[in-house]
């Protein structure tokens, strides 16, 4: 398998985002509902769950889960 220059740069960008202590998907999913509600309300994200935003930048699976959760919560808010 040959890796393109574009793929190498994308990997390097993700590597630059890493930290000594990284939340995993379980950590992310545990706080995702709170994060989605805060995000939809337009409030600033508390520092305690800011690491969720960082994880979502790197994890496609969690980003998709977050998007679906926001869609569901947004529909509930609109119906109220």
N, C-alpha and C. Protein backbone atom coordinates (compact mmCIF):
# COMPACT_ATOMS: atom_id res chain seq x y z
N UNK A 1 0.85 -1.18 0.00
CA UNK A 1 0.00 0.00 0.00
C UNK A 1 0.89 1.24 0.00
N UNK A 2 0.61 2.13 -0.90
CA UNK A 2 1.37 3.37 -1.00
C UNK A 2 0.58 4.49 -0.34
N UNK A 3 1.25 5.25 0.51
CA UNK A 3 0.62 6.38 1.19
C UNK A 3 0.97 7.65 0.43
N UNK A 4 -0.05 8.42 0.12
CA UNK A 4 0.18 9.66 -0.62
C UNK A 4 0.74 10.74 0.31
N UNK A 5 1.28 11.75 -0.28
CA UNK A 5 1.81 12.87 0.50
C UNK A 5 0.69 13.55 1.29
N UNK A 6 -0.49 13.64 0.71
CA UNK A 6 -1.64 14.23 1.39
C UNK A 6 -2.01 13.41 2.63
N UNK A 7 -1.98 12.09 2.52
CA UNK A 7 -2.28 11.23 3.66
C UNK A 7 -1.23 11.37 4.77
N UNK A 8 0.03 11.51 4.38
CA UNK A 8 1.10 11.70 5.35
C UNK A 8 0.88 13.00 6.12
N UNK A 9 0.54 14.07 5.42
CA UNK A 9 0.29 15.34 6.09
C UNK A 9 -0.92 15.28 7.01
N UNK A 10 -1.96 14.55 6.58
CA UNK A 10 -3.15 14.39 7.43
C UNK A 10 -2.79 13.64 8.71
N UNK A 11 -1.99 12.60 8.59
CA UNK A 11 -1.55 11.85 9.77
C UNK A 11 -0.69 12.71 10.69
N UNK A 12 0.18 13.52 10.11
CA UNK A 12 1.02 14.41 10.92
C UNK A 12 0.18 15.45 11.65
N UNK A 13 -0.86 15.95 11.00
CA UNK A 13 -1.76 16.91 11.67
C UNK A 13 -2.45 16.26 12.86
N UNK A 14 -2.93 15.02 12.69
CA UNK A 14 -3.55 14.31 13.81
C UNK A 14 -2.56 14.03 14.92
N UNK A 15 -1.35 13.68 14.55
CA UNK A 15 -0.31 13.43 15.54
C UNK A 15 -0.01 14.69 16.35
N UNK A 16 -0.01 15.83 15.70
CA UNK A 16 0.26 17.09 16.38
C UNK A 16 -0.83 17.43 17.41
N UNK A 17 -2.02 16.89 17.24
CA UNK A 17 -3.12 17.16 18.16
C UNK A 17 -3.08 16.29 19.41
N UNK A 18 -2.25 15.26 19.41
CA UNK A 18 -2.22 14.34 20.54
C UNK A 18 -1.59 14.98 21.77
N UNK A 19 -1.99 14.45 22.93
CA UNK A 19 -1.49 14.93 24.21
C UNK A 19 -1.00 13.74 25.01
N UNK A 20 -0.32 14.00 26.12
CA UNK A 20 0.18 12.92 26.96
C UNK A 20 -0.96 12.06 27.49
N UNK A 21 -2.06 12.68 27.86
CA UNK A 21 -3.22 11.96 28.36
C UNK A 21 -4.37 12.20 27.40
N UNK A 22 -4.83 11.13 26.77
CA UNK A 22 -5.88 11.23 25.77
C UNK A 22 -7.15 10.54 26.27
N UNK A 23 -8.31 11.17 26.09
CA UNK A 23 -9.55 10.46 26.40
C UNK A 23 -9.80 9.41 25.33
N UNK A 24 -10.38 8.30 25.71
CA UNK A 24 -10.72 7.28 24.72
C UNK A 24 -12.20 7.42 24.35
N UNK A 25 -12.68 6.55 23.51
CA UNK A 25 -14.07 6.64 23.05
C UNK A 25 -15.05 6.46 24.21
N UNK A 26 -14.74 5.56 25.15
CA UNK A 26 -15.63 5.39 26.31
C UNK A 26 -15.76 6.68 27.11
N UNK A 27 -14.63 7.36 27.34
CA UNK A 27 -14.66 8.65 28.05
C UNK A 27 -15.50 9.66 27.28
N UNK A 28 -15.30 9.68 25.98
CA UNK A 28 -16.03 10.63 25.13
C UNK A 28 -17.53 10.37 25.19
N UNK A 29 -17.91 9.12 25.02
CA UNK A 29 -19.34 8.79 25.00
C UNK A 29 -20.01 9.03 26.34
N UNK A 30 -19.26 8.89 27.43
CA UNK A 30 -19.80 9.11 28.76
C UNK A 30 -20.27 10.56 28.95
N UNK A 31 -19.60 11.50 28.30
CA UNK A 31 -19.90 12.92 28.48
C UNK A 31 -20.57 13.55 27.26
N UNK A 32 -20.85 12.77 26.24
CA UNK A 32 -21.32 13.33 24.99
C UNK A 32 -22.67 14.03 25.11
N UNK A 33 -23.62 13.48 25.86
CA UNK A 33 -24.94 14.11 25.98
C UNK A 33 -24.82 15.50 26.59
N UNK A 34 -24.04 15.63 27.64
CA UNK A 34 -23.82 16.95 28.26
C UNK A 34 -23.18 17.90 27.27
N UNK A 35 -22.21 17.41 26.52
CA UNK A 35 -21.51 18.23 25.55
C UNK A 35 -22.48 18.69 24.46
N UNK A 36 -23.33 17.79 23.97
CA UNK A 36 -24.28 18.15 22.91
C UNK A 36 -25.28 19.19 23.40
N UNK A 37 -25.82 19.00 24.61
CA UNK A 37 -26.77 19.97 25.15
C UNK A 37 -26.14 21.34 25.33
N UNK A 38 -24.91 21.36 25.82
CA UNK A 38 -24.20 22.63 26.01
C UNK A 38 -23.95 23.30 24.66
N UNK A 39 -23.51 22.51 23.69
CA UNK A 39 -23.23 23.03 22.35
C UNK A 39 -24.48 23.61 21.70
N UNK A 40 -25.59 22.89 21.80
CA UNK A 40 -26.84 23.36 21.19
C UNK A 40 -27.40 24.60 21.87
N UNK A 41 -27.14 24.76 23.16
CA UNK A 41 -27.67 25.91 23.89
C UNK A 41 -26.88 27.18 23.61
N UNK A 42 -25.72 27.03 22.95
CA UNK A 42 -24.89 28.18 22.64
C UNK A 42 -24.00 28.61 23.79
N UNK A 43 -24.01 27.86 24.89
CA UNK A 43 -23.15 28.18 26.03
C UNK A 43 -21.74 27.71 25.76
N UNK A 44 -20.78 28.29 26.47
CA UNK A 44 -19.41 27.83 26.32
C UNK A 44 -19.27 26.46 26.97
N UNK A 45 -18.41 25.67 26.43
CA UNK A 45 -18.21 24.32 26.93
C UNK A 45 -17.34 24.37 28.19
N UNK A 46 -17.83 23.81 29.28
CA UNK A 46 -17.02 23.82 30.50
C UNK A 46 -15.68 23.13 30.28
N UNK A 47 -14.69 23.62 30.98
CA UNK A 47 -13.35 23.08 30.82
C UNK A 47 -13.33 21.58 31.12
N UNK A 48 -14.19 21.13 32.03
CA UNK A 48 -14.21 19.72 32.42
C UNK A 48 -14.53 18.79 31.25
N UNK A 49 -15.28 19.29 30.25
CA UNK A 49 -15.59 18.41 29.12
C UNK A 49 -14.95 18.92 27.82
N UNK A 50 -14.03 19.86 27.93
CA UNK A 50 -13.36 20.38 26.73
C UNK A 50 -12.58 19.27 26.02
N UNK A 51 -12.10 18.28 26.77
CA UNK A 51 -11.35 17.19 26.14
C UNK A 51 -12.23 16.39 25.18
N UNK A 52 -13.54 16.44 25.36
CA UNK A 52 -14.44 15.75 24.44
C UNK A 52 -14.34 16.38 23.05
N UNK A 53 -14.30 17.69 23.00
CA UNK A 53 -14.15 18.39 21.73
C UNK A 53 -12.86 17.96 21.04
N UNK A 54 -11.80 17.84 21.82
CA UNK A 54 -10.52 17.42 21.26
C UNK A 54 -10.61 16.00 20.71
N UNK A 55 -11.29 15.12 21.44
CA UNK A 55 -11.44 13.74 20.97
C UNK A 55 -12.27 13.70 19.69
N UNK A 56 -13.31 14.50 19.63
CA UNK A 56 -14.16 14.51 18.45
C UNK A 56 -13.41 14.97 17.21
N UNK A 57 -12.40 15.79 17.39
CA UNK A 57 -11.59 16.23 16.25
C UNK A 57 -10.83 15.06 15.62
N UNK A 58 -10.52 14.06 16.42
CA UNK A 58 -9.70 12.95 15.95
C UNK A 58 -10.47 11.67 15.66
N UNK A 59 -11.66 11.52 16.20
CA UNK A 59 -12.36 10.23 16.13
C UNK A 59 -13.64 10.33 15.30
N UNK A 60 -13.63 9.75 14.12
CA UNK A 60 -14.77 9.80 13.21
C UNK A 60 -15.99 9.11 13.82
N UNK A 61 -15.81 7.97 14.47
CA UNK A 61 -16.93 7.24 15.05
C UNK A 61 -17.66 8.09 16.09
N UNK A 62 -16.91 8.70 16.98
CA UNK A 62 -17.53 9.53 18.02
C UNK A 62 -18.13 10.80 17.42
N UNK A 63 -17.51 11.33 16.37
CA UNK A 63 -18.05 12.52 15.71
C UNK A 63 -19.42 12.21 15.10
N UNK A 64 -19.56 11.02 14.51
CA UNK A 64 -20.83 10.61 13.94
C UNK A 64 -21.88 10.42 15.04
N UNK A 65 -21.48 9.82 16.15
CA UNK A 65 -22.39 9.63 17.29
C UNK A 65 -22.85 10.97 17.83
N UNK A 66 -21.93 11.92 17.95
CA UNK A 66 -22.23 13.26 18.45
C UNK A 66 -23.19 13.98 17.51
N UNK A 67 -22.96 13.86 16.23
CA UNK A 67 -23.82 14.50 15.25
C UNK A 67 -25.25 13.95 15.34
N UNK A 68 -25.38 12.63 15.47
CA UNK A 68 -26.70 12.01 15.59
C UNK A 68 -27.38 12.46 16.88
N UNK A 69 -26.62 12.55 17.96
CA UNK A 69 -27.18 12.99 19.24
C UNK A 69 -27.66 14.43 19.16
N UNK A 70 -26.86 15.30 18.55
CA UNK A 70 -27.27 16.69 18.41
C UNK A 70 -28.51 16.81 17.55
N UNK A 71 -28.59 16.01 16.48
CA UNK A 71 -29.78 16.03 15.63
C UNK A 71 -31.01 15.64 16.45
N UNK A 72 -30.89 14.58 17.24
CA UNK A 72 -32.03 14.13 18.04
C UNK A 72 -32.41 15.17 19.09
N UNK A 73 -31.43 15.73 19.76
CA UNK A 73 -31.71 16.74 20.78
C UNK A 73 -32.27 18.01 20.15
N UNK A 74 -31.76 18.38 18.99
CA UNK A 74 -32.24 19.57 18.30
C UNK A 74 -33.69 19.44 17.91
N UNK A 75 -34.09 18.27 17.49
CA UNK A 75 -35.48 18.02 17.13
C UNK A 75 -36.37 18.11 18.35
N UNK A 76 -35.87 17.61 19.50
CA UNK A 76 -36.64 17.71 20.75
C UNK A 76 -36.81 19.16 21.17
N UNK A 77 -35.77 19.96 21.01
CA UNK A 77 -35.83 21.38 21.40
C UNK A 77 -36.81 22.12 20.48
N UNK A 78 -36.77 21.83 19.20
CA UNK A 78 -37.65 22.49 18.24
C UNK A 78 -39.12 22.13 18.50
N UNK A 79 -39.37 20.91 18.98
CA UNK A 79 -40.73 20.47 19.23
C UNK A 79 -41.31 21.09 20.49
N UNK A 80 -40.45 21.56 21.37
CA UNK A 80 -40.92 22.13 22.66
C UNK A 80 -41.52 23.50 22.50
